[in-house]
Amino acid sequence: MHRIVAERYLENPEVVIEFGLENIKRWQRQGVDCEDFRMWENILRFDPQRLMGTLCGTSEEAVRLRQSSPFAGLIPEDIRRQVLATTL
């Protein structure tokens, strides 16, 4: 799923960054927060190189961060279902 997010980022980085930051802000306003959200926020604001590594990487940190992804809702539901159907 995050490879699709990475593709979207390459096509339009500003939209993907803003989407992720807005999700984090909304969740924090709702009282949901964690260290991973703060890490995502730093990556989105200051480190686009690290963003691609986090989206596509196999490191323990990348895998962990993807578990609290700020990109929920970015991929249309029909595409999300197709991806899930091919990976299950």
C-alpha atoms as a PDB file:
ATOM      1  CA  MET A   1       0.000   0.000   0.000  1.00  0.00           C
ATOM      2  CA  HIS A   2       2.801   2.382   0.856  1.00  0.00           C
ATOM      3  CA  ARG A   3       4.451   1.836  -2.496  1.00  0.00           C
ATOM      4  CA  ILE A   4       1.338   3.431  -4.009  1.00  0.00           C
ATOM      5  CA  VAL A   5       1.743   6.329  -1.571  1.00  0.00           C
ATOM      6  CA  ALA A   6       5.384   6.609  -2.723  1.00  0.00           C
ATOM      7  CA  GLU A   7       4.247   6.736  -6.357  1.00  0.00           C
ATOM      8  CA  ARG A   8       1.761   9.463  -5.483  1.00  0.00           C
ATOM      9  CA  TYR A   9       4.526  11.332  -3.673  1.00  0.00           C
ATOM     10  CA  LEU A  10       6.740  11.236  -6.768  1.00  0.00           C
ATOM     11  CA  GLU A  11       3.833  12.550  -8.863  1.00  0.00           C
ATOM     12  CA  ASN A  12       2.797  15.307  -6.460  1.00  0.00           C
ATOM     13  CA  PRO A  13       4.900  15.619  -3.300  1.00  0.00           C
ATOM     14  CA  GLU A  14       3.093  18.646  -1.886  1.00  0.00           C
ATOM     15  CA  VAL A  15      -0.293  16.901  -1.896  1.00  0.00           C
ATOM     16  CA  VAL A  16       1.029  13.787  -0.158  1.00  0.00           C
ATOM     17  CA  ILE A  17       2.937  15.766   2.465  1.00  0.00           C
ATOM     18  CA  GLU A  18      -0.037  18.007   3.203  1.00  0.00           C
ATOM     19  CA  PHE A  19      -2.375  15.001   3.376  1.00  0.00           C
ATOM     20  CA  GLY A  20      -0.157  13.265   5.927  1.00  0.00           C
ATOM     21  CA  LEU A  21       0.317  16.394   8.034  1.00  0.00           C
ATOM     22  CA  GLU A  22      -3.419  17.131   8.039  1.00  0.00           C
ATOM     23  CA  ASN A  23      -4.232  13.591   9.200  1.00  0.00           C
ATOM     24  CA  ILE A  24      -1.714  13.886  12.040  1.00  0.00           C
ATOM     25  CA  LYS A  25      -3.104  17.278  13.107  1.00  0.00           C
ATOM     26  CA  ARG A  26      -6.679  15.972  13.016  1.00  0.00           C
ATOM     27  CA  TRP A  27      -5.814  12.896  15.071  1.00  0.00           C
ATOM     28  CA  GLN A  28      -3.948  15.022  17.621  1.00  0.00           C
ATOM     29  CA  ARG A  29      -6.955  17.361  17.946  1.00  0.00           C
ATOM     30  CA  GLN A  30      -9.045  14.251  18.628  1.00  0.00           C
ATOM     31  CA  GLY A  31      -6.656  13.276  21.419  1.00  0.00           C
ATOM     32  CA  VAL A  32      -4.809  10.543  19.528  1.00  0.00           C
ATOM     33  CA  ASP A  33      -1.055  10.993  19.591  1.00  0.00           C
ATOM     34  CA  CYS A  34       2.092   8.908  19.766  1.00  0.00           C
ATOM     35  CA  GLU A  35       5.819   9.210  19.233  1.00  0.00           C
ATOM     36  CA  ASP A  36       5.466   7.738  15.737  1.00  0.00           C
ATOM     37  CA  PHE A  37       3.195  10.627  14.711  1.00  0.00           C
ATOM     38  CA  ARG A  38       5.879  13.087  15.809  1.00  0.00           C
ATOM     39  CA  MET A  39       8.458  11.118  13.804  1.00  0.00           C
ATOM     40  CA  TRP A  40       6.191  11.150  10.745  1.00  0.00           C
ATOM     41  CA  GLU A  41       5.689  14.887  11.156  1.00  0.00           C
ATOM     42  CA  ASN A  42       9.458  15.471  11.193  1.00  0.00           C
ATOM     43  CA  ILE A  43       9.948  13.262   8.150  1.00  0.00           C
ATOM     44  CA  LEU A  44       7.150  14.991   6.228  1.00  0.00           C
ATOM     45  CA  ARG A  45       8.347  18.493   7.073  1.00  0.00           C
ATOM     46  CA  PHE A  46      12.114  18.136   6.844  1.00  0.00           C
ATOM     47  CA  ASP A  47      13.340  14.924   5.231  1.00  0.00           C
ATOM     48  CA  PRO A  48      11.837  13.890   1.863  1.00  0.00           C
ATOM     49  CA  GLN A  49      14.715  11.455   1.246  1.00  0.00           C
ATOM     50  CA  ARG A  50      13.837   9.659   4.470  1.00  0.00           C
ATOM     51  CA  LEU A  51      10.166   9.701   3.475  1.00  0.00           C
ATOM     52  CA  MET A  52      10.829   7.462   0.477  1.00  0.00           C
ATOM     53  CA  GLY A  53      12.933   5.131   2.619  1.00  0.00           C
ATOM     54  CA  THR A  54      10.178   4.947   5.219  1.00  0.00           C
ATOM     55  CA  LEU A  55       7.493   4.276   2.640  1.00  0.00           C
ATOM     56  CA  CYS A  56       9.428   1.560   0.787  1.00  0.00           C
ATOM     57  CA  GLY A  57      12.115   0.380   3.190  1.00  0.00           C
ATOM     58  CA  THR A  58      12.478  -2.862   5.079  1.00  0.00           C
ATOM     59  CA  SER A  59      14.211  -1.511   8.181  1.00  0.00           C
ATOM     60  CA  GLU A  60      12.611  -2.157  11.549  1.00  0.00           C
ATOM     61  CA  GLU A  61      11.879   1.569  11.913  1.00  0.00           C
ATOM     62  CA  ALA A  62      10.248   1.838   8.468  1.00  0.00           C
ATOM     63  CA  VAL A  63       8.043  -1.185   9.121  1.00  0.00           C
ATOM     64  CA  ARG A  64       7.067   0.178  12.557  1.00  0.00           C
ATOM     65  CA  LEU A  65       6.272   3.648  11.238  1.00  0.00           C
ATOM     66  CA  ARG A  66       4.074   2.244   8.487  1.00  0.00           C
ATOM     67  CA  GLN A  67       1.943   0.678  11.233  1.00  0.00           C
ATOM     68  CA  SER A  68       0.949   4.227  12.268  1.00  0.00           C
ATOM     69  CA  SER A  69       0.794   5.695   8.784  1.00  0.00           C
ATOM     70  CA  PRO A  70      -0.603   9.206   8.345  1.00  0.00           C
ATOM     71  CA  PHE A  71      -1.795   8.318   4.844  1.00  0.00           C
ATOM     72  CA  ALA A  72      -5.085   6.635   5.758  1.00  0.00           C
ATOM     73  CA  GLY A  73      -7.636   7.725   3.170  1.00  0.00           C
ATOM     74  CA  LEU A  74      -5.112   8.789   0.514  1.00  0.00           C
ATOM     75  CA  ILE A  75      -5.618   5.704  -1.660  1.00  0.00           C
ATOM     76  CA  PRO A  76      -9.130   5.312  -3.102  1.00  0.00           C
ATOM     77  CA  GLU A  77     -11.076   2.411  -1.619  1.00  0.00           C
ATOM     78  CA  ASP A  78     -11.346   0.464  -4.889  1.00  0.00           C
ATOM     79  CA  ILE A  79      -7.560   0.490  -5.361  1.00  0.00           C
ATOM     80  CA  ARG A  80      -7.014  -0.377  -1.697  1.00  0.00           C
ATOM     81  CA  ARG A  81      -9.298  -3.407  -2.065  1.00  0.00           C
ATOM     82  CA  GLN A  82      -7.448  -4.561  -5.184  1.00  0.00           C
ATOM     83  CA  VAL A  83      -4.113  -4.362  -3.402  1.00  0.00           C
ATOM     84  CA  LEU A  84      -5.446  -6.230  -0.382  1.00  0.00           C
ATOM     85  CA  ALA A  85      -6.988  -8.906  -2.590  1.00  0.00           C
ATOM     86  CA  THR A  86      -3.672  -9.569  -4.323  1.00  0.00           C
ATOM     87  CA  THR A  87      -1.636  -9.689  -1.103  1.00  0.00           C
ATOM     88  CA  LEU A  88      -3.858 -12.000   0.937  1.00  0.00           C
END
